[in-house]
């Protein structure tokens, strides 16, 4: 066990954990967060995506030791109910969620894409979102919401 200090959604936290413990477990089990989600545990679905110093990472395979001293942003840290991130607002406006399990990965990945490339083409968006899974099949609605948010950001 070791002690790790990091910032999660703007708040400094200290975790006591084994260095190889996945960041996802620390967020959910130690900090009691209900997002991000555990999906596959193999970094293949994206349900566990968070931003680590602004870059999207799959928290299920990211060791907590690699997050030490860094800033972690979860979907909760993107916006608030009073002032949602444009992607969060677009998801509501487009009525995207069905089961909602995958939303974390799609929004966190899209937020990183749009931050680095606000005018991303459809092809660039599709490439950046490759590998994310939605079992409900709401991909068309997801892309429509991302394009709506893109319009609000540019």
C-alpha atoms as a PDB file:
ATOM      1  CA  UNK A   1       0.000   0.000   0.000  1.00  0.00           C
ATOM      2  CA  UNK A   2       1.082   3.530  -0.755  1.00  0.00           C
ATOM      3  CA  UNK A   3      -0.392   6.987  -0.343  1.00  0.00           C
ATOM      4  CA  UNK A   4      -1.370   8.912  -3.479  1.00  0.00           C
ATOM      5  CA  UNK A   5      -2.498  12.502  -3.726  1.00  0.00           C
ATOM      6  CA  UNK A   6      -4.486  13.633  -6.738  1.00  0.00           C
ATOM      7  CA  UNK A   7      -7.272  15.998  -7.638  1.00  0.00           C
ATOM      8  CA  UNK A   8     -10.660  14.565  -8.586  1.00  0.00           C
ATOM      9  CA  UNK A   9     -13.267  16.894 -10.052  1.00  0.00           C
ATOM     10  CA  UNK A  10     -11.504  19.887  -8.540  1.00  0.00           C
ATOM     11  CA  UNK A  11     -11.095  18.448  -5.048  1.00  0.00           C
ATOM     12  CA  UNK A  12      -7.800  17.214  -3.596  1.00  0.00           C
ATOM     13  CA  UNK A  13      -7.974  13.610  -2.397  1.00  0.00           C
ATOM     14  CA  UNK A  14      -5.586  11.182  -0.778  1.00  0.00           C
ATOM     15  CA  UNK A  15      -5.840   7.479  -1.495  1.00  0.00           C
ATOM     16  CA  UNK A  16      -4.160   4.564   0.220  1.00  0.00           C
ATOM     17  CA  UNK A  17      -3.882   1.859  -2.401  1.00  0.00           C
ATOM     18  CA  UNK A  18      -1.704  -0.746  -4.010  1.00  0.00           C
ATOM     19  CA  UNK A  19       0.226   0.892  -6.877  1.00  0.00           C
ATOM     20  CA  UNK A  20      -1.274  -1.437  -9.482  1.00  0.00           C
ATOM     21  CA  UNK A  21      -4.881  -0.960  -8.376  1.00  0.00           C
ATOM     22  CA  UNK A  22      -6.942   0.420 -11.282  1.00  0.00           C
ATOM     23  CA  UNK A  23      -7.911   4.072 -10.949  1.00  0.00           C
ATOM     24  CA  UNK A  24     -11.502   3.013 -11.626  1.00  0.00           C
ATOM     25  CA  UNK A  25     -11.574   0.963  -8.420  1.00  0.00           C
ATOM     26  CA  UNK A  26     -10.202   3.891  -6.415  1.00  0.00           C
ATOM     27  CA  UNK A  27     -12.829   6.235  -7.831  1.00  0.00           C
ATOM     28  CA  UNK A  28     -15.746   3.880  -7.275  1.00  0.00           C
ATOM     29  CA  UNK A  29     -14.745   1.923  -4.187  1.00  0.00           C
ATOM     30  CA  UNK A  30     -12.565   4.334  -2.209  1.00  0.00           C
ATOM     31  CA  UNK A  31     -14.227   7.618  -3.199  1.00  0.00           C
ATOM     32  CA  UNK A  32     -17.755   6.209  -3.565  1.00  0.00           C
ATOM     33  CA  UNK A  33     -18.359   7.598  -7.044  1.00  0.00           C
ATOM     34  CA  UNK A  34     -21.041   5.991  -9.196  1.00  0.00           C
ATOM     35  CA  UNK A  35     -19.440   7.170 -12.404  1.00  0.00           C
ATOM     36  CA  UNK A  36     -17.343   6.146 -14.324  1.00  0.00           C
ATOM     37  CA  UNK A  37     -18.699   2.659 -14.894  1.00  0.00           C
ATOM     38  CA  UNK A  38     -17.030  -0.726 -14.993  1.00  0.00           C
ATOM     39  CA  UNK A  39     -17.733  -2.219 -18.410  1.00  0.00           C
ATOM     40  CA  UNK A  40     -15.272  -4.740 -19.753  1.00  0.00           C
ATOM     41  CA  UNK A  41     -12.208  -4.236 -17.549  1.00  0.00           C
ATOM     42  CA  UNK A  42     -10.036  -4.456 -20.676  1.00  0.00           C
ATOM     43  CA  UNK A  43     -10.133  -0.856 -21.987  1.00  0.00           C
ATOM     44  CA  UNK A  44     -12.258  -1.975 -24.921  1.00  0.00           C
ATOM     45  CA  UNK A  45     -15.679  -0.426 -24.242  1.00  0.00           C
ATOM     46  CA  UNK A  46     -14.979   3.038 -22.823  1.00  0.00           C
ATOM     47  CA  UNK A  47     -17.515   3.038 -19.970  1.00  0.00           C
ATOM     48  CA  UNK A  48     -14.696   3.846 -17.542  1.00  0.00           C
ATOM     49  CA  UNK A  49     -13.268   6.857 -19.423  1.00  0.00           C
ATOM     50  CA  UNK A  50     -12.033   9.818 -17.383  1.00  0.00           C
ATOM     51  CA  UNK A  51      -9.733  12.703 -18.210  1.00  0.00           C
ATOM     52  CA  UNK A  52      -6.260  12.558 -16.699  1.00  0.00           C
ATOM     53  CA  UNK A  53      -4.732  16.034 -16.967  1.00  0.00           C
ATOM     54  CA  UNK A  54      -7.190  16.697 -19.780  1.00  0.00           C
ATOM     55  CA  UNK A  55      -6.561  13.534 -21.804  1.00  0.00           C
ATOM     56  CA  UNK A  56      -9.093  10.706 -22.009  1.00  0.00           C
ATOM     57  CA  UNK A  57      -7.907   7.465 -20.413  1.00  0.00           C
ATOM     58  CA  UNK A  58      -9.558   4.170 -19.623  1.00  0.00           C
ATOM     59  CA  UNK A  59      -9.596   4.065 -15.827  1.00  0.00           C
ATOM     60  CA  UNK A  60     -10.092   0.290 -15.694  1.00  0.00           C
ATOM     61  CA  UNK A  61      -6.492  -0.281 -16.839  1.00  0.00           C
ATOM     62  CA  UNK A  62      -4.856   2.912 -15.532  1.00  0.00           C
ATOM     63  CA  UNK A  63      -2.960   2.165 -12.308  1.00  0.00           C
ATOM     64  CA  UNK A  64      -3.767   4.573  -9.508  1.00  0.00           C
ATOM     65  CA  UNK A  65      -0.014   5.161  -9.163  1.00  0.00           C
ATOM     66  CA  UNK A  66      -0.008   6.712 -12.671  1.00  0.00           C
ATOM     67  CA  UNK A  67      -2.600   9.272 -11.521  1.00  0.00           C
ATOM     68  CA  UNK A  68      -0.563  10.454  -8.535  1.00  0.00           C
ATOM     69  CA  UNK A  69      -0.146  14.218  -8.543  1.00  0.00           C
ATOM     70  CA  UNK A  70      -2.477  14.611 -11.516  1.00  0.00           C
ATOM     71  CA  UNK A  71      -5.960  15.931 -12.121  1.00  0.00           C
ATOM     72  CA  UNK A  72      -8.776  13.474 -12.784  1.00  0.00           C
ATOM     73  CA  UNK A  73     -12.016  14.760 -14.273  1.00  0.00           C
ATOM     74  CA  UNK A  74     -15.075  12.548 -14.372  1.00  0.00           C
ATOM     75  CA  UNK A  75     -18.365  13.234 -16.123  1.00  0.00           C
ATOM     76  CA  UNK A  76     -19.549  14.801 -12.859  1.00  0.00           C
ATOM     77  CA  UNK A  77     -16.696  17.296 -13.088  1.00  0.00           C
ATOM     78  CA  UNK A  78     -17.561  18.449 -16.623  1.00  0.00           C
ATOM     79  CA  UNK A  79     -20.628  20.415 -15.602  1.00  0.00           C
ATOM     80  CA  UNK A  80     -23.311  20.839 -12.994  1.00  0.00           C
ATOM     81  CA  UNK A  81     -27.081  20.420 -13.170  1.00  0.00           C
ATOM     82  CA  UNK A  82     -27.316  24.228 -13.133  1.00  0.00           C
ATOM     83  CA  UNK A  83     -24.621  24.703 -15.780  1.00  0.00           C
ATOM     84  CA  UNK A  84     -24.143  21.486 -17.745  1.00  0.00           C
ATOM     85  CA  UNK A  85     -21.330  20.989 -20.232  1.00  0.00           C
ATOM     86  CA  UNK A  86     -22.655  21.480 -23.789  1.00  0.00           C
ATOM     87  CA  UNK A  87     -22.348  17.725 -24.375  1.00  0.00           C
ATOM     88  CA  UNK A  88     -24.422  16.945 -21.304  1.00  0.00           C
ATOM     89  CA  UNK A  89     -27.078  19.449 -22.401  1.00  0.00           C
ATOM     90  CA  UNK A  90     -27.056  18.060 -25.954  1.00  0.00           C
ATOM     91  CA  UNK A  91     -27.565  14.508 -24.686  1.00  0.00           C
ATOM     92  CA  UNK A  92     -30.675  15.652 -22.862  1.00  0.00           C
ATOM     93  CA  UNK A  93     -31.941  17.723 -25.794  1.00  0.00           C
ATOM     94  CA  UNK A  94     -31.444  14.836 -28.232  1.00  0.00           C
ATOM     95  CA  UNK A  95     -32.889  12.305 -25.762  1.00  0.00           C
ATOM     96  CA  UNK A  96     -29.889  10.035 -26.282  1.00  0.00           C
ATOM     97  CA  UNK A  97     -29.883   7.809 -23.195  1.00  0.00           C
ATOM     98  CA  UNK A  98     -31.632   4.513 -23.191  1.00  0.00           C
ATOM     99  CA  UNK A  99     -29.900   2.493 -20.492  1.00  0.00           C
ATOM    100  CA  UNK A 100     -27.275   5.227 -20.010  1.00  0.00           C
ATOM    101  CA  UNK A 101     -24.455   2.869 -19.097  1.00  0.00           C
ATOM    102  CA  UNK A 102     -22.103   3.961 -21.894  1.00  0.00           C
ATOM    103  CA  UNK A 103     -22.751   7.708 -21.695  1.00  0.00           C
ATOM    104  CA  UNK A 104     -19.687   8.292 -19.556  1.00  0.00           C
ATOM    105  CA  UNK A 105     -17.304   7.021 -22.234  1.00  0.00           C
ATOM    106  CA  UNK A 106     -18.959   8.814 -25.128  1.00  0.00           C
ATOM    107  CA  UNK A 107     -19.220  12.196 -23.400  1.00  0.00           C
ATOM    108  CA  UNK A 108     -15.748  12.136 -21.864  1.00  0.00           C
ATOM    109  CA  UNK A 109     -14.143  11.074 -25.151  1.00  0.00           C
ATOM    110  CA  UNK A 110     -16.150  13.571 -27.199  1.00  0.00           C
ATOM    111  CA  UNK A 111     -15.304  16.368 -24.746  1.00  0.00           C
ATOM    112  CA  UNK A 112     -11.586  15.701 -25.235  1.00  0.00           C
ATOM    113  CA  UNK A 113     -11.963  15.570 -29.031  1.00  0.00           C
ATOM    114  CA  UNK A 114     -13.917  18.820 -29.182  1.00  0.00           C
ATOM    115  CA  UNK A 115     -11.530  20.555 -26.800  1.00  0.00           C
ATOM    116  CA  UNK A 116      -8.544  19.766 -29.009  1.00  0.00           C
ATOM    117  CA  UNK A 117     -10.420  20.095 -32.320  1.00  0.00           C
ATOM    118  CA  UNK A 118     -13.639  22.136 -31.968  1.00  0.00           C
ATOM    119  CA  UNK A 119     -14.318  21.920 -35.707  1.00  0.00           C
ATOM    120  CA  UNK A 120     -13.700  18.180 -36.040  1.00  0.00           C
ATOM    121  CA  UNK A 121     -15.218  16.708 -39.178  1.00  0.00           C
ATOM    122  CA  UNK A 122     -17.646  13.813 -39.035  1.00  0.00           C
ATOM    123  CA  UNK A 123     -14.808  11.498 -40.090  1.00  0.00           C
ATOM    124  CA  UNK A 124     -12.537  12.856 -37.339  1.00  0.00           C
ATOM    125  CA  UNK A 125     -15.288  12.416 -34.763  1.00  0.00           C
ATOM    126  CA  UNK A 126     -15.940   8.843 -35.865  1.00  0.00           C
ATOM    127  CA  UNK A 127     -12.221   8.057 -35.748  1.00  0.00           C
ATOM    128  CA  UNK A 128     -11.845   9.574 -32.281  1.00  0.00           C
ATOM    129  CA  UNK A 129     -14.881   7.709 -30.982  1.00  0.00           C
ATOM    130  CA  UNK A 130     -13.845   4.357 -32.460  1.00  0.00           C
ATOM    131  CA  UNK A 131     -13.769   1.595 -29.901  1.00  0.00           C
ATOM    132  CA  UNK A 132     -16.573   2.941 -27.738  1.00  0.00           C
ATOM    133  CA  UNK A 133     -19.515   0.599 -27.325  1.00  0.00           C
ATOM    134  CA  UNK A 134     -23.236   1.256 -26.928  1.00  0.00           C
ATOM    135  CA  UNK A 135     -25.270  -1.909 -26.558  1.00  0.00           C
ATOM    136  CA  UNK A 136     -28.558  -0.019 -27.011  1.00  0.00           C
ATOM    137  CA  UNK A 137     -27.520   1.030 -30.506  1.00  0.00           C
ATOM    138  CA  UNK A 138     -28.052   4.768 -30.026  1.00  0.00           C
ATOM    139  CA  UNK A 139     -25.012   5.664 -32.125  1.00  0.00           C
ATOM    140  CA  UNK A 140     -26.995   7.925 -34.483  1.00  0.00           C
ATOM    141  CA  UNK A 141     -28.459   9.880 -31.549  1.00  0.00           C
ATOM    142  CA  UNK A 142     -25.051  10.050 -29.888  1.00  0.00           C
ATOM    143  CA  UNK A 143     -23.464  11.562 -33.007  1.00  0.00           C
ATOM    144  CA  UNK A 144     -26.387  13.983 -33.385  1.00  0.00           C
ATOM    145  CA  UNK A 145     -25.870  15.162 -29.781  1.00  0.00           C
ATOM    146  CA  UNK A 146     -22.125  15.558 -30.299  1.00  0.00           C
ATOM    147  CA  UNK A 147     -22.740  17.657 -33.417  1.00  0.00           C
ATOM    148  CA  UNK A 148     -25.249  19.794 -31.466  1.00  0.00           C
ATOM    149  CA  UNK A 149     -22.697  20.357 -28.719  1.00  0.00           C
ATOM    150  CA  UNK A 150     -20.039  21.105 -31.326  1.00  0.00           C
ATOM    151  CA  UNK A 151     -22.257  23.880 -32.673  1.00  0.00           C
ATOM    152  CA  UNK A 152     -22.632  25.322 -29.169  1.00  0.00           C
ATOM    153  CA  UNK A 153     -18.863  25.259 -28.605  1.00  0.00           C
ATOM    154  CA  UNK A 154     -17.855  26.958 -31.862  1.00  0.00           C
END
